[in-house]
Amino acid sequence: MTNEETGRTEAVYREVNEAIAQTAERIDAAEVALVCECGDAECIERVTAEVEVYERVRAHPTRFILVEGHEEPTVERVLETRDGYAIVDKTERDAARVARRLNPRDGK
């Protein structure tokens, strides 16, 4: 799988999590059960994170929440690990470009 294909997969998971987070905010939940945003198109694992943490991650278009151990060191670096999940930032140029282009919060 190319870095661009991986980036598209991650963007799809991010879109799903946006809908989940919006629902959590409507019901004033403190935590949200998210889909792992890794590049594996067959991954079905989930992570539970505080809504506040999710919003902090979403403030940066190249950051994602993954199940700990699902990170891909050739395209991203781990910024932080918490209770079974990792927050990563894209470091590889093509992966970062795709993440920015497909960012659902870019004001379109």
Protein backbone atom coordinates (compact mmCIF):
# COMPACT_ATOMS: atom_id res chain seq x y z
CA MET A 1 0.00 0.00 0.00
CA THR A 2 1.36 3.44 -0.91
CA ASN A 3 1.62 6.30 1.58
CA GLU A 4 -1.21 8.04 -0.27
CA GLU A 5 -3.50 4.99 0.01
CA THR A 6 -2.65 4.69 3.68
CA GLY A 7 -3.45 8.37 4.13
CA ARG A 8 -6.83 7.95 2.48
CA THR A 9 -7.64 5.02 4.77
CA GLU A 10 -6.72 7.05 7.83
CA ALA A 11 -8.85 9.95 6.58
CA VAL A 12 -11.87 7.66 6.28
CA TYR A 13 -11.44 6.54 9.89
CA ARG A 14 -11.06 10.18 10.92
CA GLU A 15 -14.38 11.01 9.21
CA VAL A 16 -16.11 8.21 11.13
CA ASN A 17 -14.64 9.52 14.38
CA GLU A 18 -15.82 13.04 13.61
CA ALA A 19 -19.42 11.76 13.54
CA ILE A 20 -18.87 9.78 16.75
CA ALA A 21 -17.35 12.82 18.50
CA GLN A 22 -20.18 15.11 17.39
CA THR A 23 -22.69 12.71 18.93
CA ALA A 24 -20.65 12.53 22.15
CA GLU A 25 -20.61 16.32 22.36
CA ARG A 26 -24.37 16.53 21.83
CA ILE A 27 -24.96 14.27 24.82
CA ASP A 28 -22.20 15.98 26.81
CA ALA A 29 -20.10 12.82 27.18
CA ALA A 30 -16.65 13.13 28.75
CA GLU A 31 -15.25 10.17 26.79
CA VAL A 32 -15.73 8.83 23.31
CA ALA A 33 -15.20 5.35 21.82
CA LEU A 34 -13.28 5.91 18.58
CA VAL A 35 -12.26 3.77 15.65
CA CYS A 36 -8.49 3.29 15.41
CA GLU A 37 -7.23 5.76 12.80
CA CYS A 38 -4.35 3.61 11.58
CA GLY A 39 -3.64 2.94 7.92
CA ASP A 40 -4.80 -0.69 8.02
CA ALA A 41 -8.03 -0.82 6.01
CA GLU A 42 -9.05 -3.99 7.87
CA CYS A 43 -8.49 -2.66 11.39
CA ILE A 44 -11.65 -2.72 13.50
CA GLU A 45 -10.10 -1.95 16.89
CA ARG A 46 -11.37 0.88 19.04
CA VAL A 47 -9.91 3.27 21.57
CA THR A 48 -11.60 5.24 24.31
CA ALA A 49 -10.38 8.79 24.75
CA GLU A 50 -11.53 11.90 26.52
CA VAL A 51 -13.43 14.26 24.22
CA GLU A 52 -10.99 17.00 25.24
CA VAL A 53 -8.04 14.89 24.02
CA TYR A 54 -9.83 14.11 20.76
CA GLU A 55 -10.45 17.82 20.16
CA ARG A 56 -6.80 18.60 20.87
CA VAL A 57 -5.73 16.01 18.27
CA ARG A 58 -8.22 17.31 15.70
CA ALA A 59 -6.81 20.83 16.03
CA HIS A 60 -3.89 19.55 13.89
CA PRO A 61 -4.77 18.05 10.49
CA THR A 62 -1.77 15.71 10.49
CA ARG A 63 -2.49 14.11 13.88
CA PHE A 64 -4.35 10.88 14.48
CA ILE A 65 -5.36 8.58 17.36
CA LEU A 66 -4.33 4.93 16.97
CA VAL A 67 -4.37 1.79 19.04
CA GLU A 68 -0.95 1.66 20.65
CA GLY A 69 1.34 -0.42 18.43
CA HIS A 70 -0.50 0.44 15.19
CA GLU A 71 1.79 3.35 14.39
CA GLU A 72 3.89 3.24 11.22
CA PRO A 73 7.34 4.73 11.97
CA THR A 74 8.11 5.35 8.29
CA VAL A 75 5.29 7.92 7.98
CA GLU A 76 4.52 9.14 11.49
CA ARG A 77 5.99 9.73 14.91
CA VAL A 78 4.38 9.08 18.25
CA LEU A 79 3.78 12.28 20.15
CA GLU A 80 2.11 10.76 23.18
CA THR A 81 0.81 7.45 24.51
CA ARG A 82 -2.13 7.11 26.87
CA ASP A 83 -4.22 4.18 28.16
CA GLY A 84 -3.74 1.88 25.16
CA TYR A 85 -3.65 4.44 22.41
CA ALA A 86 -1.10 6.66 20.74
CA ILE A 87 -1.35 10.14 19.29
CA VAL A 88 0.76 10.38 16.15
CA ASP A 89 1.78 13.10 13.73
CA LYS A 90 2.52 12.47 10.07
CA THR A 91 6.16 13.08 9.22
CA GLU A 92 6.27 11.67 5.69
CA ARG A 93 5.49 14.33 3.05
CA ASP A 94 2.86 12.46 1.01
CA ALA A 95 1.03 11.15 4.09
CA ALA A 96 0.96 14.63 5.64
CA ARG A 97 -0.27 16.17 2.37
CA VAL A 98 -3.15 13.69 2.14
CA ALA A 99 -4.04 14.25 5.81
CA ARG A 100 -4.22 18.01 5.25
CA ARG A 101 -6.16 17.72 1.97
CA LEU A 102 -8.77 15.39 3.49
CA ASN A 103 -9.09 17.23 6.81
CA PRO A 104 -12.81 17.51 7.58
CA ARG A 105 -12.20 20.62 9.67
CA ASP A 106 -10.45 22.71 7.05
CA GLY A 107 -13.36 25.16 6.69
CA LYS A 108 -14.77 23.89 3.40
